[in-house]
Amino acid sequence: HTIKGNAGIFELKPLIQLCHAFETRFTTLQSKAEAPT
C-alpha cells in the first residue's frame, strides 16, 4: 500500500494497478484466513 501511495506522486499508473491487484489478492486470503499457496 505504501508503494502504491508513493507511486501516485509520479502518476505511475502501471505500478499503482499492479499494487492494487496484489493488495486485492492478499486481502482476500487474509479475510478468509487462508494461507497463500
PDB file of all heavy atoms in Angstrom:
ATOM      1  N   HIS A   1       0.833  -1.207   0.000  1.00  0.00           N
ATOM      2  CA  HIS A   1       0.000   0.000   0.000  1.00  0.00           C
ATOM      3  C   HIS A   1       0.870   1.262   0.000  1.00  0.00           C
ATOM      4  O   HIS A   1       0.541   2.245  -0.670  1.00  0.00           O
ATOM      5  CB  HIS A   1      -0.945  -0.010   1.203  1.00  0.00           C
ATOM      6  CG  HIS A   1      -1.956   1.083   1.161  1.00  0.00           C
ATOM      7  ND1 HIS A   1      -3.056   1.045   0.334  1.00  0.00           N
ATOM      8  CD2 HIS A   1      -2.030   2.261   1.824  1.00  0.00           C
ATOM      9  CE1 HIS A   1      -3.755   2.151   0.501  1.00  0.00           C
ATOM     10  NE2 HIS A   1      -3.159   2.908   1.396  1.00  0.00           N
ATOM     11  N   THR A   2       1.960   1.220   0.712  1.00  0.00           N
ATOM     12  CA  THR A   2       2.879   2.362   0.744  1.00  0.00           C
ATOM     13  C   THR A   2       3.485   2.600  -0.639  1.00  0.00           C
ATOM     14  O   THR A   2       3.567   3.742  -1.100  1.00  0.00           O
ATOM     15  CB  THR A   2       3.984   2.137   1.792  1.00  0.00           C
ATOM     16  OG1 THR A   2       3.371   2.014   3.081  1.00  0.00           O
ATOM     17  CG2 THR A   2       4.984   3.276   1.811  1.00  0.00           C
ATOM     18  N   ILE A   3       3.905   1.525  -1.293  1.00  0.00           N
ATOM     19  CA  ILE A   3       4.444   1.653  -2.654  1.00  0.00           C
ATOM     20  C   ILE A   3       3.384   2.277  -3.563  1.00  0.00           C
ATOM     21  O   ILE A   3       3.664   3.188  -4.340  1.00  0.00           O
ATOM     22  CB  ILE A   3       4.872   0.275  -3.220  1.00  0.00           C
ATOM     23  CG1 ILE A   3       6.030  -0.314  -2.428  1.00  0.00           C
ATOM     24  CG2 ILE A   3       5.206   0.379  -4.703  1.00  0.00           C
ATOM     25  CD1 ILE A   3       7.364   0.301  -2.677  1.00  0.00           C
ATOM     26  N   LYS A   4       2.149   1.775  -3.465  1.00  0.00           N
ATOM     27  CA  LYS A   4       1.061   2.279  -4.308  1.00  0.00           C
ATOM     28  C   LYS A   4       0.829   3.762  -4.072  1.00  0.00           C
ATOM     29  O   LYS A   4       0.724   4.543  -5.026  1.00  0.00           O
ATOM     30  CB  LYS A   4      -0.224   1.489  -4.039  1.00  0.00           C
ATOM     31  CG  LYS A   4      -1.397   1.919  -4.915  1.00  0.00           C
ATOM     32  CD  LYS A   4      -2.594   1.026  -4.717  1.00  0.00           C
ATOM     33  CE  LYS A   4      -3.325   1.378  -3.438  1.00  0.00           C
ATOM     34  NZ  LYS A   4      -4.600   0.657  -3.307  1.00  0.00           N
ATOM     35  N   GLY A   5       0.783   4.154  -2.816  1.00  0.00           N
ATOM     36  CA  GLY A   5       0.557   5.564  -2.500  1.00  0.00           C
ATOM     37  C   GLY A   5       1.687   6.453  -2.991  1.00  0.00           C
ATOM     38  O   GLY A   5       1.452   7.514  -3.575  1.00  0.00           O
ATOM     39  N   ASN A   6       2.906   6.010  -2.784  1.00  0.00           N
ATOM     40  CA  ASN A   6       4.055   6.791  -3.224  1.00  0.00           C
ATOM     41  C   ASN A   6       4.135   6.863  -4.748  1.00  0.00           C
ATOM     42  O   ASN A   6       4.567   7.872  -5.309  1.00  0.00           O
ATOM     43  CB  ASN A   6       5.352   6.218  -2.653  1.00  0.00           C
ATOM     44  CG  ASN A   6       5.468   6.423  -1.161  1.00  0.00           C
ATOM     45  OD1 ASN A   6       4.740   7.201  -0.552  1.00  0.00           O
ATOM     46  ND2 ASN A   6       6.378   5.699  -0.543  1.00  0.00           N
ATOM     47  N   ALA A   7       3.714   5.806  -5.424  1.00  0.00           N
ATOM     48  CA  ALA A   7       3.722   5.793  -6.889  1.00  0.00           C
ATOM     49  C   ALA A   7       2.768   6.847  -7.449  1.00  0.00           C
ATOM     50  O   ALA A   7       2.974   7.358  -8.549  1.00  0.00           O
ATOM     51  CB  ALA A   7       3.355   4.413  -7.414  1.00  0.00           C
ATOM     52  N   GLY A   8       1.758   7.189  -6.679  1.00  0.00           N
ATOM     53  CA  GLY A   8       0.813   8.208  -7.101  1.00  0.00           C
ATOM     54  C   GLY A   8       1.445   9.567  -7.292  1.00  0.00           C
ATOM     55  O   GLY A   8       1.006  10.351  -8.141  1.00  0.00           O
ATOM     56  N   ILE A   9       2.493   9.843  -6.560  1.00  0.00           N
ATOM     57  CA  ILE A   9       3.206  11.117  -6.703  1.00  0.00           C
ATOM     58  C   ILE A   9       3.699  11.290  -8.137  1.00  0.00           C
ATOM     59  O   ILE A   9       3.683  12.387  -8.680  1.00  0.00           O
ATOM     60  CB  ILE A   9       4.402  11.190  -5.724  1.00  0.00           C
ATOM     61  CG1 ILE A   9       3.904  11.177  -4.285  1.00  0.00           C
ATOM     62  CG2 ILE A   9       5.274  12.409  -6.001  1.00  0.00           C
ATOM     63  CD1 ILE A   9       5.007  10.955  -3.265  1.00  0.00           C
ATOM     64  N   PHE A  10       4.141  10.194  -8.736  1.00  0.00           N
ATOM     65  CA  PHE A  10       4.704  10.231 -10.080  1.00  0.00           C
ATOM     66  C   PHE A  10       3.725   9.727 -11.144  1.00  0.00           C
ATOM     67  O   PHE A  10       4.101   9.532 -12.290  1.00  0.00           O
ATOM     68  CB  PHE A  10       5.998   9.400 -10.120  1.00  0.00           C
ATOM     69  CG  PHE A  10       7.055   9.934  -9.209  1.00  0.00           C
ATOM     70  CD1 PHE A  10       7.254   9.374  -7.957  1.00  0.00           C
ATOM     71  CD2 PHE A  10       7.823  11.017  -9.581  1.00  0.00           C
ATOM     72  CE1 PHE A  10       8.217   9.879  -7.096  1.00  0.00           C
ATOM     73  CE2 PHE A  10       8.789  11.528  -8.734  1.00  0.00           C
ATOM     74  CZ  PHE A  10       8.985  10.953  -7.490  1.00  0.00           C
ATOM     75  N   GLU A  11       2.482   9.506 -10.735  1.00  0.00           N
ATOM     76  CA  GLU A  11       1.432   9.030 -11.630  1.00  0.00           C
ATOM     77  C   GLU A  11       1.864   7.771 -12.384  1.00  0.00           C
ATOM     78  O   GLU A  11       1.661   7.639 -13.585  1.00  0.00           O
ATOM     79  CB  GLU A  11       0.996  10.134 -12.590  1.00  0.00           C
ATOM     80  CG  GLU A  11       0.424  11.341 -11.864  1.00  0.00           C
ATOM     81  CD  GLU A  11       0.017  12.472 -12.796  1.00  0.00           C
ATOM     82  OE1 GLU A  11       0.226  12.362 -14.018  1.00  0.00           O
ATOM     83  OE2 GLU A  11      -0.521  13.459 -12.286  1.00  0.00           O
ATOM     84  N   LEU A  12       2.455   6.842 -11.657  1.00  0.00           N
ATOM     85  CA  LEU A  12       2.911   5.572 -12.234  1.00  0.00           C
ATOM     86  C   LEU A  12       1.753   4.583 -12.265  1.00  0.00           C
ATOM     87  O   LEU A  12       1.680   3.651 -11.459  1.00  0.00           O
ATOM     88  CB  LEU A  12       4.084   5.017 -11.426  1.00  0.00           C
ATOM     89  CG  LEU A  12       5.342   5.874 -11.409  1.00  0.00           C
ATOM     90  CD1 LEU A  12       6.339   5.336 -10.400  1.00  0.00           C
ATOM     91  CD2 LEU A  12       5.953   5.936 -12.793  1.00  0.00           C
ATOM     92  N   LYS A  13       0.840   4.792 -13.190  1.00  0.00           N
ATOM     93  CA  LYS A  13      -0.389   4.002 -13.234  1.00  0.00           C
ATOM     94  C   LYS A  13      -0.149   2.494 -13.323  1.00  0.00           C
ATOM     95  O   LYS A  13      -0.829   1.734 -12.639  1.00  0.00           O
ATOM     96  CB  LYS A  13      -1.301   4.501 -14.347  1.00  0.00           C
ATOM     97  CG  LYS A  13      -1.868   5.862 -14.019  1.00  0.00           C
ATOM     98  CD  LYS A  13      -2.793   6.375 -15.069  1.00  0.00           C
ATOM     99  CE  LYS A  13      -3.226   7.774 -14.634  1.00  0.00           C
ATOM    100  NZ  LYS A  13      -4.024   8.450 -15.604  1.00  0.00           N
ATOM    101  N   PRO A  14       0.790   2.013 -14.139  1.00  0.00           N
ATOM    102  CA  PRO A  14       1.012   0.563 -14.161  1.00  0.00           C
ATOM    103  C   PRO A  14       1.446   0.022 -12.787  1.00  0.00           C
ATOM    104  O   PRO A  14       0.997  -1.049 -12.381  1.00  0.00           O
ATOM    105  CB  PRO A  14       2.115   0.371 -15.208  1.00  0.00           C
ATOM    106  CG  PRO A  14       1.997   1.571 -16.097  1.00  0.00           C
ATOM    107  CD  PRO A  14       1.584   2.689 -15.177  1.00  0.00           C
ATOM    108  N   LEU A  15       2.277   0.759 -12.083  1.00  0.00           N
ATOM    109  CA  LEU A  15       2.709   0.325 -10.756  1.00  0.00           C
ATOM    110  C   LEU A  15       1.549   0.379  -9.771  1.00  0.00           C
ATOM    111  O   LEU A  15       1.357  -0.543  -8.974  1.00  0.00           O
ATOM    112  CB  LEU A  15       3.876   1.184 -10.262  1.00  0.00           C
ATOM    113  CG  LEU A  15       4.468   0.823  -8.906  1.00  0.00           C
ATOM    114  CD1 LEU A  15       4.911  -0.638  -8.856  1.00  0.00           C
ATOM    115  CD2 LEU A  15       5.639   1.754  -8.584  1.00  0.00           C
ATOM    116  N   ILE A  16       0.762   1.407  -9.852  1.00  0.00           N
ATOM    117  CA  ILE A  16      -0.407   1.544  -8.980  1.00  0.00           C
ATOM    118  C   ILE A  16      -1.375   0.384  -9.219  1.00  0.00           C
ATOM    119  O   ILE A  16      -1.870  -0.236  -8.273  1.00  0.00           O
ATOM    120  CB  ILE A  16      -1.101   2.908  -9.198  1.00  0.00           C
ATOM    121  CG1 ILE A  16      -0.186   4.044  -8.727  1.00  0.00           C
ATOM    122  CG2 ILE A  16      -2.459   2.954  -8.497  1.00  0.00           C
ATOM    123  CD1 ILE A  16      -0.618   5.427  -9.186  1.00  0.00           C
ATOM    124  N   GLN A  17      -1.630   0.062 -10.484  1.00  0.00           N
ATOM    125  CA  GLN A  17      -2.545  -1.036 -10.815  1.00  0.00           C
ATOM    126  C   GLN A  17      -2.005  -2.383 -10.345  1.00  0.00           C
ATOM    127  O   GLN A  17      -2.757  -3.214  -9.828  1.00  0.00           O
ATOM    128  CB  GLN A  17      -2.812  -1.057 -12.320  1.00  0.00           C
ATOM    129  CG  GLN A  17      -3.625   0.131 -12.789  1.00  0.00           C
ATOM    130  CD  GLN A  17      -3.668   0.257 -14.302  1.00  0.00           C
ATOM    131  OE1 GLN A  17      -2.830  -0.296 -15.016  1.00  0.00           O
ATOM    132  NE2 GLN A  17      -4.655   0.994 -14.794  1.00  0.00           N
ATOM    133  N   LEU A  18      -0.707  -2.594 -10.505  1.00  0.00           N
ATOM    134  CA  LEU A  18      -0.097  -3.843 -10.055  1.00  0.00           C
ATOM    135  C   LEU A  18      -0.205  -3.970  -8.539  1.00  0.00           C
ATOM    136  O   LEU A  18      -0.566  -5.028  -8.021  1.00  0.00           O
ATOM    137  CB  LEU A  18       1.368  -3.901 -10.509  1.00  0.00           C
ATOM    138  CG  LEU A  18       2.148  -5.153 -10.146  1.00  0.00           C
ATOM    139  CD1 LEU A  18       1.471  -6.411 -10.663  1.00  0.00           C
ATOM    140  CD2 LEU A  18       3.568  -5.037 -10.697  1.00  0.00           C
ATOM    141  N   CYS A  19       0.085  -2.899  -7.832  1.00  0.00           N
ATOM    142  CA  CYS A  19      -0.032  -2.914  -6.366  1.00  0.00           C
ATOM    143  C   CYS A  19      -1.470  -3.183  -5.947  1.00  0.00           C
ATOM    144  O   CYS A  19      -1.722  -3.942  -5.008  1.00  0.00           O
ATOM    145  CB  CYS A  19       0.438  -1.586  -5.779  1.00  0.00           C
ATOM    146  SG  CYS A  19       2.214  -1.303  -5.870  1.00  0.00           S
ATOM    147  N   HIS A  20      -2.410  -2.550  -6.643  1.00  0.00           N
ATOM    148  CA  HIS A  20      -3.822  -2.732  -6.300  1.00  0.00           C
ATOM    149  C   HIS A  20      -4.237  -4.198  -6.477  1.00  0.00           C
ATOM    150  O   HIS A  20      -4.903  -4.778  -5.602  1.00  0.00           O
ATOM    151  CB  HIS A  20      -4.695  -1.819  -7.147  1.00  0.00           C
ATOM    152  CG  HIS A  20      -6.142  -1.916  -6.815  1.00  0.00           C
ATOM    153  ND1 HIS A  20      -6.675  -1.419  -5.643  1.00  0.00           N
ATOM    154  CD2 HIS A  20      -7.164  -2.490  -7.487  1.00  0.00           C
ATOM    155  CE1 HIS A  20      -7.969  -1.682  -5.613  1.00  0.00           C
ATOM    156  NE2 HIS A  20      -8.290  -2.326  -6.710  1.00  0.00           N
ATOM    157  N   ALA A  21      -3.833  -4.814  -7.585  1.00  0.00           N
ATOM    158  CA  ALA A  21      -4.163  -6.226  -7.817  1.00  0.00           C
ATOM    159  C   ALA A  21      -3.526  -7.113  -6.751  1.00  0.00           C
ATOM    160  O   ALA A  21      -4.164  -8.048  -6.247  1.00  0.00           O
ATOM    161  CB  ALA A  21      -3.702  -6.643  -9.211  1.00  0.00           C
ATOM    162  N   PHE A  22      -2.294  -6.820  -6.386  1.00  0.00           N
ATOM    163  CA  PHE A  22      -1.586  -7.564  -5.344  1.00  0.00           C
ATOM    164  C   PHE A  22      -2.353  -7.452  -4.026  1.00  0.00           C
ATOM    165  O   PHE A  22      -2.613  -8.455  -3.361  1.00  0.00           O
ATOM    166  CB  PHE A  22      -0.174  -6.980  -5.198  1.00  0.00           C
ATOM    167  CG  PHE A  22       0.730  -7.737  -4.277  1.00  0.00           C
ATOM    168  CD1 PHE A  22       1.716  -8.551  -4.793  1.00  0.00           C
ATOM    169  CD2 PHE A  22       0.631  -7.607  -2.901  1.00  0.00           C
ATOM    170  CE1 PHE A  22       2.585  -9.247  -3.948  1.00  0.00           C
ATOM    171  CE2 PHE A  22       1.476  -8.286  -2.055  1.00  0.00           C
ATOM    172  CZ  PHE A  22       2.462  -9.117  -2.578  1.00  0.00           C
ATOM    173  N   GLU A  23      -2.707  -6.213  -3.665  1.00  0.00           N
ATOM    174  CA  GLU A  23      -3.457  -5.995  -2.421  1.00  0.00           C
ATOM    175  C   GLU A  23      -4.785  -6.749  -2.426  1.00  0.00           C
ATOM    176  O   GLU A  23      -5.162  -7.357  -1.416  1.00  0.00           O
ATOM    177  CB  GLU A  23      -3.763  -4.502  -2.228  1.00  0.00           C
ATOM    178  CG  GLU A  23      -2.592  -3.668  -1.824  1.00  0.00           C
ATOM    179  CD  GLU A  23      -2.971  -2.201  -1.721  1.00  0.00           C
ATOM    180  OE1 GLU A  23      -3.636  -1.670  -2.642  1.00  0.00           O
ATOM    181  OE2 GLU A  23      -2.604  -1.586  -0.715  1.00  0.00           O
ATOM    182  N   THR A  24      -5.478  -6.721  -3.537  1.00  0.00           N
ATOM    183  CA  THR A  24      -6.768  -7.386  -3.637  1.00  0.00           C
ATOM    184  C   THR A  24      -6.630  -8.882  -3.382  1.00  0.00           C
ATOM    185  O   THR A  24      -7.392  -9.471  -2.611  1.00  0.00           O
ATOM    186  CB  THR A  24      -7.411  -7.132  -5.020  1.00  0.00           C
ATOM    187  OG1 THR A  24      -7.609  -5.721  -5.179  1.00  0.00           O
ATOM    188  CG2 THR A  24      -8.736  -7.863  -5.160  1.00  0.00           C
ATOM    189  N   ARG A  25      -5.630  -9.498  -4.011  1.00  0.00           N
ATOM    190  CA  ARG A  25      -5.446 -10.943  -3.854  1.00  0.00           C
ATOM    191  C   ARG A  25      -5.100 -11.309  -2.419  1.00  0.00           C
ATOM    192  O   ARG A  25      -5.669 -12.244  -1.841  1.00  0.00           O
ATOM    193  CB  ARG A  25      -4.341 -11.432  -4.803  1.00  0.00           C
ATOM    194  CG  ARG A  25      -4.115 -12.925  -4.725  1.00  0.00           C
ATOM    195  CD  ARG A  25      -5.363 -13.669  -5.221  1.00  0.00           C
ATOM    196  NE  ARG A  25      -5.156 -15.100  -5.144  1.00  0.00           N
ATOM    197  CZ  ARG A  25      -5.879 -15.904  -4.370  1.00  0.00           C
ATOM    198  NH1 ARG A  25      -6.861 -15.439  -3.636  1.00  0.00           N
ATOM    199  NH2 ARG A  25      -5.630 -17.200  -4.347  1.00  0.00           N
ATOM    200  N   PHE A  26      -4.176 -10.558  -1.813  1.00  0.00           N
ATOM    201  CA  PHE A  26      -3.749 -10.906  -0.463  1.00  0.00           C
ATOM    202  C   PHE A  26      -4.772 -10.486   0.600  1.00  0.00           C
ATOM    203  O   PHE A  26      -4.882 -11.134   1.636  1.00  0.00           O
ATOM    204  CB  PHE A  26      -2.345 -10.359  -0.181  1.00  0.00           C
ATOM    205  CG  PHE A  26      -1.282 -11.248  -0.760  1.00  0.00           C
ATOM    206  CD1 PHE A  26      -0.872 -11.091  -2.067  1.00  0.00           C
ATOM    207  CD2 PHE A  26      -0.738 -12.285  -0.019  1.00  0.00           C
ATOM    208  CE1 PHE A  26       0.079 -11.924  -2.630  1.00  0.00           C
ATOM    209  CE2 PHE A  26       0.210 -13.138  -0.562  1.00  0.00           C
ATOM    210  CZ  PHE A  26       0.624 -12.959  -1.873  1.00  0.00           C
ATOM    211  N   THR A  27      -5.556  -9.472   0.330  1.00  0.00           N
ATOM    212  CA  THR A  27      -6.630  -9.097   1.248  1.00  0.00           C
ATOM    213  C   THR A  27      -7.705 -10.177   1.261  1.00  0.00           C
ATOM    214  O   THR A  27      -8.256 -10.502   2.318  1.00  0.00           O
ATOM    215  CB  THR A  27      -7.237  -7.732   0.868  1.00  0.00           C
ATOM    216  OG1 THR A  27      -6.221  -6.736   0.961  1.00  0.00           O
ATOM    217  CG2 THR A  27      -8.391  -7.351   1.774  1.00  0.00           C
ATOM    218  N   THR A  28      -7.981 -10.749   0.095  1.00  0.00           N
ATOM    219  CA  THR A  28      -8.954 -11.845   0.011  1.00  0.00           C
ATOM    220  C   THR A  28      -8.482 -13.038   0.840  1.00  0.00           C
ATOM    221  O   THR A  28      -9.259 -13.610   1.616  1.00  0.00           O
ATOM    222  CB  THR A  28      -9.177 -12.264  -1.458  1.00  0.00           C
ATOM    223  OG1 THR A  28      -9.679 -11.141  -2.182  1.00  0.00           O
ATOM    224  CG2 THR A  28     -10.146 -13.429  -1.560  1.00  0.00           C
ATOM    225  N   LEU A  29      -7.223 -13.401   0.701  1.00  0.00           N
ATOM    226  CA  LEU A  29      -6.684 -14.504   1.502  1.00  0.00           C
ATOM    227  C   LEU A  29      -6.769 -14.188   2.988  1.00  0.00           C
ATOM    228  O   LEU A  29      -7.142 -15.030   3.799  1.00  0.00           O
ATOM    229  CB  LEU A  29      -5.226 -14.780   1.125  1.00  0.00           C
ATOM    230  CG  LEU A  29      -4.971 -15.409  -0.233  1.00  0.00           C
ATOM    231  CD1 LEU A  29      -3.477 -15.481  -0.493  1.00  0.00           C
ATOM    232  CD2 LEU A  29      -5.589 -16.791  -0.310  1.00  0.00           C
ATOM    233  N   GLN A  30      -6.393 -12.967   3.337  1.00  0.00           N
ATOM    234  CA  GLN A  30      -6.401 -12.545   4.739  1.00  0.00           C
ATOM    235  C   GLN A  30      -7.815 -12.617   5.315  1.00  0.00           C
ATOM    236  O   GLN A  30      -8.012 -13.137   6.418  1.00  0.00           O
ATOM    237  CB  GLN A  30      -5.855 -11.126   4.852  1.00  0.00           C
ATOM    238  CG  GLN A  30      -5.815 -10.589   6.261  1.00  0.00           C
ATOM    239  CD  GLN A  30      -5.388  -9.127   6.292  1.00  0.00           C
ATOM    240  OE1 GLN A  30      -5.783  -8.344   5.422  1.00  0.00           O
ATOM    241  NE2 GLN A  30      -4.597  -8.764   7.274  1.00  0.00           N
ATOM    242  N   SER A  31      -8.789 -12.131   4.574  1.00  0.00           N
ATOM    243  CA  SER A  31     -10.159 -12.106   5.086  1.00  0.00           C
ATOM    244  C   SER A  31     -10.738 -13.512   5.245  1.00  0.00           C
ATOM    245  O   SER A  31     -11.594 -13.741   6.089  1.00  0.00           O
ATOM    246  CB  SER A  31     -11.057 -11.258   4.188  1.00  0.00           C
ATOM    247  OG  SER A  31     -11.229 -11.869   2.931  1.00  0.00           O
ATOM    248  N   LYS A  32     -10.273 -14.450   4.431  1.00  0.00           N
ATOM    249  CA  LYS A  32     -10.729 -15.834   4.527  1.00  0.00           C
ATOM    250  C   LYS A  32      -9.844 -16.662   5.460  1.00  0.00           C
ATOM    251  O   LYS A  32     -10.082 -17.852   5.632  1.00  0.00           O
ATOM    252  CB  LYS A  32     -10.734 -16.481   3.146  1.00  0.00           C
ATOM    253  CG  LYS A  32     -11.748 -15.893   2.201  1.00  0.00           C
ATOM    254  CD  LYS A  32     -11.674 -16.588   0.856  1.00  0.00           C
ATOM    255  CE  LYS A  32     -12.705 -16.025  -0.099  1.00  0.00           C
ATOM    256  NZ  LYS A  32     -12.637 -16.700  -1.406  1.00  0.00           N
ATOM    257  N   ALA A  33      -8.831 -16.018   6.028  1.00  0.00           N
ATOM    258  CA  ALA A  33      -7.863 -16.692   6.910  1.00  0.00           C
ATOM    259  C   ALA A  33      -7.229 -17.894   6.209  1.00  0.00           C
ATOM    260  O   ALA A  33      -7.037 -18.946   6.807  1.00  0.00           O
ATOM    261  CB  ALA A  33      -8.521 -17.094   8.231  1.00  0.00           C
ATOM    262  N   GLU A  34      -6.926 -17.703   4.924  1.00  0.00           N
ATOM    263  CA  GLU A  34      -6.293 -18.762   4.137  1.00  0.00           C
ATOM    264  C   GLU A  34      -4.801 -18.487   4.011  1.00  0.00           C
ATOM    265  O   GLU A  34      -4.387 -17.353   3.801  1.00  0.00           O
ATOM    266  CB  GLU A  34      -6.884 -18.817   2.724  1.00  0.00           C
ATOM    267  CG  GLU A  34      -8.307 -19.291   2.663  1.00  0.00           C
ATOM    268  CD  GLU A  34      -8.824 -19.336   1.230  1.00  0.00           C
ATOM    269  OE1 GLU A  34      -8.021 -19.291   0.276  1.00  0.00           O
ATOM    270  OE2 GLU A  34     -10.049 -19.401   1.084  1.00  0.00           O
ATOM    271  N   ALA A  35      -4.029 -19.538   4.098  1.00  0.00           N
ATOM    272  CA  ALA A  35      -2.592 -19.412   3.845  1.00  0.00           C
ATOM    273  C   ALA A  35      -2.376 -19.342   2.336  1.00  0.00           C
ATOM    274  O   ALA A  35      -3.062 -20.015   1.576  1.00  0.00           O
ATOM    275  CB  ALA A  35      -1.852 -20.604   4.430  1.00  0.00           C
ATOM    276  N   PRO A  36      -1.429 -18.537   1.897  1.00  0.00           N
ATOM    277  CA  PRO A  36      -1.161 -18.469   0.461  1.00  0.00           C
ATOM    278  C   PRO A  36      -0.520 -19.772  -0.035  1.00  0.00           C
ATOM    279  O   PRO A  36       0.338 -20.340   0.631  1.00  0.00           O
ATOM    280  CB  PRO A  36      -0.195 -17.297   0.320  1.00  0.00           C
ATOM    281  CG  PRO A  36       0.350 -17.049   1.676  1.00  0.00           C
ATOM    282  CD  PRO A  36      -0.622 -17.598   2.660  1.00  0.00           C
ATOM    283  N   THR A  37      -0.959 -20.211  -1.186  1.00  0.00           N
ATOM    284  CA  THR A  37      -0.385 -21.405  -1.801  1.00  0.00           C
ATOM    285  C   THR A  37       0.967 -21.050  -2.417  1.00  0.00           C
ATOM    286  O   THR A  37       1.314 -19.861  -2.552  1.00  0.00           O
ATOM    287  CB  THR A  37      -1.304 -21.941  -2.915  1.00  0.00           C
ATOM    288  OG1 THR A  37      -1.392 -20.934  -3.938  1.00  0.00           O
ATOM    289  CG2 THR A  37      -2.688 -22.290  -2.382  1.00  0.00           C
TER     290      THR A  37
END
